[in-house]
Amino acid sequence: MTEQYFGVRPTLEAVAARAGVSRATASRVVNGGTGVRPPLVDKVRQAVEELGYIPNQAARSLVTRRTGAVAVIVAEPETRFFSDPFFSRQIRGISKELAAHDTQLVLLLVEGPDDYGRISRYLTGGHVDGALAFSLHDEDPLPAITRDAGMLTVFGGRPGFPTAVPYVDADNRGGAREAVRHLLSIGRGRIAHIAGPLDQTASTDRLGGYRDVLPEADPALVVEGAFTAESGAHAMAELLARRPDLDAVFAANDLMASGALRVLRERGRRVPEDVALVGFDDMTSVAEATDPPLTTVRQEVEEMGRLMARLLLRGLDQGGAEGPPPASVITPTVLVRRATA
């Protein structure tokens, strides 16, 4: 039971006195230092628990040269971030891993070009130990900003340029190939693709997987969307105008697939009898809510967030930006068969 009462904050001196050690020894234990015998470590930790002592973060930073915080930078505006369940699941995984290591998450969103200067100033101001950046687009200045800040960084998603910076991604190309092969296996021959924004590698990799399986596909069967339900609806309408004889659609994410499904129903096309449909992500809040439930490619989004945070924390423990970069990770995907294909 702690002895901390309202208005009274235990000091490090009180911890040292309770444990029967010097202030310097208590400080080393509290701040994660080494060179203290295990019995004394146990006494200090017991005193911390009994007194309810909370270390001063500013003082701890002077000792450890760590802030205990990590920036999570999402290169998307608020409207996209808060409407797409992909981001909440990835942030959940990141948050769980950071919390398990007593590290705070600082969320930074990119609403527009002016935000890059603000983010650069924040990173160079020494407020965080490292950065996790995802949803990058071509020509995105974020990689240069984190590099110039001397900031250890892990990317979410394969960067579209050569770099030694580690990243965590799903097997987007392999998952797309599995989706298209499944559509072929159920007898579909005019398979369209609703791609994501082609300035992002997840989209180009999924389009690449589609083309791996269907190298001779009619270019009219591919329309670019924006990873939103509304863009999926627009793309589906355009595909039906171009190729009314299509009998299957592979959409690059579940939200676009849900928009496509709505248009197919409005146009009197039965799913899956007339047009089979496969999504990507397996956002259960979307895939299990559609009527009929959506067949899709699952990527372990929350686990990918955990892995990003884990790689960053490991890198910080091994010397930060000056140490060797951790190895990148590609996670597997799996086809989840429901009712649309």
Protein backbone atom coordinates (compact mmCIF):
# COMPACT_ATOMS: atom_id res chain seq x y z
CA MET A 1 0.00 0.00 0.00
CA THR A 2 1.42 3.41 -0.91
CA GLU A 3 1.81 6.30 1.51
CA GLN A 4 1.29 9.13 -1.00
CA TYR A 5 -1.41 11.59 0.02
CA PHE A 6 -2.98 14.56 -1.72
CA GLY A 7 -0.53 17.46 -1.89
CA VAL A 8 2.46 15.41 -0.72
CA ARG A 9 4.84 14.06 -3.34
CA PRO A 10 7.50 11.63 -2.08
CA THR A 11 11.08 12.62 -2.90
CA LEU A 12 14.02 10.54 -4.03
CA GLU A 13 15.60 11.25 -0.65
CA ALA A 14 12.58 9.64 1.04
CA VAL A 15 12.96 6.57 -1.18
CA ALA A 16 16.66 6.31 -0.30
CA ALA A 17 15.93 6.64 3.41
CA ARG A 18 13.16 4.02 3.30
CA ALA A 19 15.44 1.59 1.40
CA GLY A 20 18.46 2.31 3.60
CA VAL A 21 20.68 3.31 0.68
CA SER A 22 22.37 6.47 -0.54
CA ARG A 23 20.53 8.94 -2.77
CA ALA A 24 22.93 8.12 -5.61
CA THR A 25 22.11 4.40 -5.36
CA ALA A 26 18.38 5.10 -5.31
CA SER A 27 18.79 7.35 -8.37
CA ARG A 28 20.63 4.66 -10.32
CA VAL A 29 17.90 2.11 -9.65
CA VAL A 30 15.02 4.49 -10.43
CA ASN A 31 16.64 5.65 -13.67
CA GLY A 32 17.54 2.19 -14.93
CA GLY A 33 21.25 2.42 -14.21
CA THR A 34 23.58 -0.51 -13.61
CA GLY A 35 26.14 -1.46 -10.97
CA VAL A 36 23.72 -1.91 -8.06
CA ARG A 37 23.55 -5.24 -6.24
CA PRO A 38 20.23 -7.11 -6.72
CA PRO A 39 19.23 -7.03 -2.99
CA LEU A 40 19.57 -3.25 -2.99
CA VAL A 41 17.63 -2.97 -6.24
CA ASP A 42 14.79 -4.91 -4.62
CA LYS A 43 14.83 -2.64 -1.56
CA VAL A 44 14.69 0.52 -3.66
CA ARG A 45 11.87 -0.84 -5.81
CA GLN A 46 9.93 -1.83 -2.70
CA ALA A 47 10.41 1.67 -1.27
CA VAL A 48 9.20 3.20 -4.55
CA GLU A 49 6.06 1.06 -4.40
CA GLU A 50 5.39 1.75 -0.72
CA LEU A 51 5.83 5.50 -1.01
CA GLY A 52 4.16 5.86 -4.39
CA TYR A 53 7.22 7.66 -5.74
CA ILE A 54 6.93 8.98 -9.31
CA PRO A 55 10.28 9.81 -10.97
CA ASN A 56 10.74 13.32 -12.31
CA GLN A 57 10.88 12.91 -16.09
CA ALA A 58 13.14 15.93 -16.60
CA ALA A 59 15.65 14.61 -14.09
CA ARG A 60 15.46 11.12 -15.58
CA SER A 61 16.15 12.53 -19.06
CA LEU A 62 19.37 14.13 -17.79
CA VAL A 63 20.56 10.70 -16.67
CA THR A 64 19.29 8.49 -19.51
CA ARG A 65 19.37 11.07 -22.33
CA ARG A 66 15.94 9.72 -23.29
CA THR A 67 12.63 11.58 -23.24
CA GLY A 68 10.48 8.48 -22.90
CA ALA A 69 8.34 9.55 -25.86
CA VAL A 70 8.01 8.52 -29.50
CA ALA A 71 6.47 10.50 -32.35
CA VAL A 72 3.92 8.68 -34.53
CA ILE A 73 3.63 10.60 -37.79
CA VAL A 74 0.76 9.82 -40.15
CA ALA A 75 1.02 11.44 -43.56
CA GLU A 76 -2.75 11.86 -43.88
CA PRO A 77 -5.28 14.57 -42.95
CA GLU A 78 -7.58 14.23 -39.96
CA THR A 79 -10.61 13.33 -42.08
CA ARG A 80 -8.88 10.26 -43.51
CA PHE A 81 -7.17 9.28 -40.26
CA PHE A 82 -10.35 9.25 -38.18
CA SER A 83 -12.59 7.64 -40.82
CA ASP A 84 -10.41 4.68 -41.84
CA PRO A 85 -10.31 1.83 -39.26
CA PHE A 86 -6.88 0.79 -40.60
CA PHE A 87 -5.26 3.66 -38.74
CA SER A 88 -6.98 3.03 -35.40
CA ARG A 89 -5.87 -0.60 -35.48
CA GLN A 90 -2.28 0.28 -36.30
CA ILE A 91 -2.19 2.96 -33.60
CA ARG A 92 -3.64 0.45 -31.12
CA GLY A 93 -0.77 -1.94 -31.78
CA ILE A 94 1.82 0.83 -31.50
CA SER A 95 0.27 2.16 -28.29
CA LYS A 96 0.18 -1.25 -26.61
CA GLU A 97 3.85 -1.91 -27.34
CA LEU A 98 4.99 1.55 -26.24
CA ALA A 99 2.90 1.39 -23.05
CA ALA A 100 4.46 -1.96 -22.18
CA HIS A 101 7.82 -0.16 -22.22
CA ASP A 102 6.64 2.92 -20.30
CA THR A 103 6.93 5.10 -23.40
CA GLN A 104 4.52 7.83 -24.44
CA LEU A 105 2.98 8.17 -27.91
CA VAL A 106 2.89 11.63 -29.51
CA LEU A 107 0.58 11.69 -32.56
CA LEU A 108 1.42 14.07 -35.43
CA LEU A 109 -0.89 14.32 -38.45
CA VAL A 110 -0.14 15.97 -41.79
CA GLU A 111 -3.13 18.12 -42.72
CA GLY A 112 -1.26 20.00 -45.43
CA PRO A 113 2.17 21.17 -46.67
CA ASP A 114 2.50 23.75 -43.88
CA ASP A 115 2.54 20.97 -41.28
CA TYR A 116 5.92 19.66 -42.39
CA GLY A 117 7.70 22.68 -40.95
CA ARG A 118 5.90 22.24 -37.64
CA ILE A 119 6.82 18.55 -37.52
CA SER A 120 10.45 19.30 -38.40
CA ARG A 121 10.72 21.86 -35.58
CA TYR A 122 9.16 19.43 -33.13
CA LEU A 123 11.51 16.58 -34.01
CA THR A 124 14.63 18.75 -33.89
CA GLY A 125 13.51 20.21 -30.55
CA GLY A 126 14.48 17.06 -28.67
CA HIS A 127 10.95 16.22 -27.52
CA VAL A 128 11.02 12.56 -28.63
CA ASP A 129 13.53 9.73 -28.88
CA GLY A 130 12.45 8.36 -32.26
CA ALA A 131 9.72 8.36 -34.87
CA LEU A 132 7.28 5.94 -36.48
CA ALA A 133 6.02 7.24 -39.84
CA PHE A 134 3.44 5.61 -42.07
CA SER A 135 1.11 6.18 -45.01
CA LEU A 136 3.94 7.86 -46.90
CA HIS A 137 3.36 9.15 -50.44
CA ASP A 138 5.80 9.63 -53.32
CA GLU A 139 7.95 12.74 -52.89
CA ASP A 140 6.97 12.86 -49.22
CA PRO A 141 9.40 15.10 -47.28
CA LEU A 142 9.00 13.14 -44.03
CA PRO A 143 11.96 10.76 -44.64
CA ALA A 144 14.28 13.72 -45.20
CA ILE A 145 12.86 15.52 -42.16
CA THR A 146 13.50 12.58 -39.82
CA ARG A 147 16.96 12.04 -41.33
CA ASP A 148 17.95 15.69 -40.94
CA ALA A 149 16.72 15.61 -37.34
CA GLY A 150 19.09 12.68 -36.65
CA MET A 151 16.05 10.74 -35.57
CA LEU A 152 15.92 6.94 -35.46
CA THR A 153 12.86 6.09 -37.55
CA VAL A 154 10.84 3.05 -38.57
CA PHE A 155 8.47 3.30 -41.54
CA GLY A 156 5.07 1.65 -41.76
CA GLY A 157 4.98 0.36 -45.33
CA ARG A 158 7.75 -0.23 -47.84
CA PRO A 159 9.32 3.08 -48.89
CA GLY A 160 9.26 3.82 -52.60
CA PHE A 161 12.96 4.66 -52.67
CA PRO A 162 16.22 2.94 -51.68
CA THR A 163 16.92 3.41 -47.98
CA ALA A 164 18.55 1.72 -45.01
CA VAL A 165 15.68 2.87 -42.76
CA PRO A 166 13.83 -0.21 -41.46
CA TYR A 167 10.15 -0.73 -42.23
CA VAL A 168 7.27 -3.07 -41.44
CA ASP A 169 4.87 -4.03 -44.22
CA ALA A 170 2.49 -6.77 -45.30
CA ASP A 171 3.07 -8.97 -48.34
CA ASN A 172 0.86 -6.73 -50.45
CA ARG A 173 1.87 -8.22 -53.77
CA GLY A 174 1.49 -11.80 -52.60
CA GLY A 175 -1.89 -11.06 -51.02
CA ALA A 176 -3.12 -9.49 -54.25
CA ARG A 177 -1.98 -12.51 -56.25
CA GLU A 178 -3.90 -14.81 -53.89
CA ALA A 179 -7.06 -12.69 -54.26
CA VAL A 180 -6.97 -12.74 -58.07
CA ARG A 181 -6.13 -16.44 -58.23
CA HIS A 182 -9.12 -17.14 -56.01
CA LEU A 183 -11.39 -15.24 -58.42
CA LEU A 184 -10.00 -17.26 -61.31
CA SER A 185 -10.54 -20.48 -59.36
CA ILE A 186 -14.28 -19.80 -59.06
CA GLY A 187 -14.58 -19.33 -62.80
CA ARG A 188 -14.30 -15.56 -63.22
CA GLY A 189 -12.56 -14.32 -66.36
CA ARG A 190 -13.18 -10.56 -66.60
CA ILE A 191 -11.63 -9.37 -63.35
CA ALA A 192 -11.37 -5.64 -62.65
CA HIS A 193 -9.17 -3.92 -60.09
CA ILE A 194 -9.92 -0.82 -58.02
CA ALA A 195 -6.43 0.36 -57.09
CA GLY A 196 -5.48 2.60 -54.18
CA PRO A 197 -3.60 5.89 -54.66
CA LEU A 198 -0.73 5.06 -56.98
CA ASP A 199 1.66 7.38 -55.14
CA GLN A 200 1.76 4.81 -52.32
CA THR A 201 3.68 1.53 -52.47
CA ALA A 202 0.87 -0.52 -50.91
CA SER A 203 -1.27 0.40 -53.93
CA THR A 204 1.41 -0.21 -56.55
CA ASP A 205 2.34 -3.54 -54.95
CA ARG A 206 -1.29 -4.71 -54.96
CA LEU A 207 -1.68 -3.58 -58.56
CA GLY A 208 1.54 -5.45 -59.33
CA GLY A 209 0.10 -8.62 -57.81
CA TYR A 210 -3.03 -8.27 -59.94
CA ARG A 211 -0.89 -7.86 -63.07
CA ASP A 212 1.35 -10.80 -62.08
CA VAL A 213 -1.67 -13.08 -62.40
CA LEU A 214 -3.36 -11.23 -65.28
CA PRO A 215 -0.52 -9.79 -67.39
CA GLU A 216 -2.78 -9.43 -70.43
CA ALA A 217 -5.69 -7.77 -68.60
CA ASP A 218 -7.49 -4.97 -70.41
CA PRO A 219 -6.18 -1.62 -69.03
CA ALA A 220 -9.82 -0.45 -68.96
CA LEU A 221 -10.37 -2.92 -66.10
CA VAL A 222 -8.15 -0.89 -63.73
CA VAL A 223 -9.36 2.33 -62.05
CA GLU A 224 -7.55 4.26 -59.34
CA GLY A 225 -9.36 5.05 -56.09
CA ALA A 226 -8.37 6.80 -52.86
CA PHE A 227 -8.81 4.09 -50.18
CA THR A 228 -12.24 5.55 -49.26
CA ALA A 229 -15.73 4.08 -49.68
CA GLU A 230 -16.80 7.01 -51.85
CA SER A 231 -13.84 6.57 -54.20
CA GLY A 232 -14.66 2.87 -54.45
CA ALA A 233 -18.20 3.74 -55.48
CA HIS A 234 -16.99 6.18 -58.15
CA ALA A 235 -14.46 3.64 -59.45
CA MET A 236 -17.11 0.90 -59.64
CA ALA A 237 -19.44 3.15 -61.62
CA GLU A 238 -16.61 3.95 -64.03
CA LEU A 239 -15.72 0.28 -64.44
CA LEU A 240 -19.31 -0.64 -65.23
CA ALA A 241 -19.43 2.11 -67.83
CA ARG A 242 -16.18 0.88 -69.40
CA ARG A 243 -16.75 -2.86 -69.14
CA PRO A 244 -20.36 -3.76 -68.32
CA ASP A 245 -19.46 -7.42 -68.92
CA LEU A 246 -17.04 -7.63 -65.95
CA ASP A 247 -17.74 -10.54 -63.61
CA ALA A 248 -15.35 -9.90 -60.69
CA VAL A 249 -13.63 -7.04 -58.85
CA PHE A 250 -10.56 -7.02 -56.63
CA ALA A 251 -10.51 -3.82 -54.57
CA ALA A 252 -7.27 -2.70 -52.90
CA ASN A 253 -8.94 -2.15 -49.54
CA ASP A 254 -12.17 -3.00 -47.75
CA LEU A 255 -13.56 0.53 -47.70
CA MET A 256 -13.36 0.78 -51.50
CA ALA A 257 -14.88 -2.68 -51.76
CA SER A 258 -17.82 -1.55 -49.59
CA GLY A 259 -18.41 1.42 -51.91
CA ALA A 260 -18.20 -0.86 -54.95
CA LEU A 261 -20.71 -3.25 -53.39
CA ARG A 262 -23.19 -0.41 -52.88
CA VAL A 263 -22.99 0.60 -56.55
CA LEU A 264 -23.33 -2.99 -57.74
CA ARG A 265 -26.51 -3.35 -55.69
CA GLU A 266 -27.87 -0.05 -57.03
CA ARG A 267 -27.22 -1.25 -60.59
CA GLY A 268 -29.03 -4.51 -60.01
CA ARG A 269 -25.89 -6.69 -60.06
CA ARG A 270 -26.07 -9.64 -57.68
CA VAL A 271 -22.98 -10.36 -55.55
CA PRO A 272 -21.50 -12.91 -55.93
CA GLU A 273 -23.78 -14.43 -58.58
CA ASP A 274 -23.22 -11.73 -61.22
CA VAL A 275 -20.08 -10.06 -59.90
CA ALA A 276 -17.71 -11.57 -57.33
CA LEU A 277 -15.90 -9.12 -55.04
CA VAL A 278 -12.72 -9.35 -52.94
CA GLY A 279 -11.25 -6.62 -50.71
CA PHE A 280 -7.99 -6.21 -48.84
CA ASP A 281 -7.18 -5.54 -45.13
CA ASP A 282 -9.90 -7.56 -43.33
CA MET A 283 -11.13 -4.60 -41.32
CA THR A 284 -13.82 -6.61 -39.54
CA SER A 285 -15.87 -3.50 -38.78
CA VAL A 286 -16.26 -3.18 -42.56
CA ALA A 287 -15.88 -6.71 -43.94
CA GLU A 288 -18.34 -8.34 -41.55
CA ALA A 289 -20.84 -5.48 -41.81
CA THR A 290 -21.35 -5.55 -45.59
CA ASP A 291 -24.29 -7.44 -47.06
CA PRO A 292 -23.21 -10.03 -48.03
CA PRO A 293 -20.08 -10.23 -45.81
CA LEU A 294 -16.90 -9.43 -47.70
CA THR A 295 -14.29 -11.92 -48.84
CA THR A 296 -10.97 -10.17 -48.32
CA VAL A 297 -7.22 -10.49 -47.77
CA ARG A 298 -6.23 -10.17 -44.13
CA GLN A 299 -3.15 -8.28 -43.05
CA GLU A 300 -2.35 -8.22 -39.34
CA VAL A 301 -2.54 -4.45 -38.93
CA GLU A 302 -2.39 -4.29 -35.14
CA GLU A 303 0.55 -6.69 -35.04
CA MET A 304 2.32 -4.59 -37.66
CA GLY A 305 1.95 -1.59 -35.35
CA ARG A 306 3.42 -3.59 -32.49
CA LEU A 307 6.34 -4.66 -34.68
CA MET A 308 7.04 -1.07 -35.73
CA ALA A 309 7.23 0.06 -32.11
CA ARG A 310 9.29 -2.99 -31.14
CA LEU A 311 11.87 -2.35 -33.87
CA LEU A 312 12.17 1.29 -32.85
CA LEU A 313 12.59 0.55 -29.15
CA ARG A 314 15.17 -2.13 -29.94
CA GLY A 315 17.06 0.33 -32.11
CA LEU A 316 17.01 2.96 -29.37
CA ASP A 317 18.42 0.45 -26.89
CA GLN A 318 21.21 -0.37 -29.36
CA GLY A 319 22.42 3.17 -29.83
CA GLY A 320 19.64 5.08 -31.57
CA ALA A 321 20.41 6.72 -34.89
CA GLU A 322 24.11 6.03 -34.38
CA GLY A 323 23.65 2.28 -34.00
CA PRO A 324 23.02 -0.41 -36.62
CA PRO A 325 19.49 -0.20 -38.12
CA PRO A 326 17.12 -3.08 -37.27
CA ALA A 327 16.10 -5.42 -40.08
CA SER A 328 12.83 -4.72 -41.90
CA VAL A 329 9.89 -7.11 -41.52
CA ILE A 330 7.36 -8.36 -44.11
CA THR A 331 4.31 -9.99 -42.54
CA PRO A 332 2.23 -12.65 -44.33
CA THR A 333 -1.32 -12.20 -45.60
CA VAL A 334 -4.16 -14.71 -45.85
CA LEU A 335 -7.37 -14.87 -47.86
CA VAL A 336 -10.50 -14.80 -45.67
CA ARG A 337 -13.42 -16.32 -47.56
CA ARG A 338 -16.85 -14.95 -46.74
CA ALA A 339 -19.85 -14.54 -49.04
CA THR A 340 -18.86 -12.13 -51.84
CA ALA A 341 -16.52 -14.48 -53.67
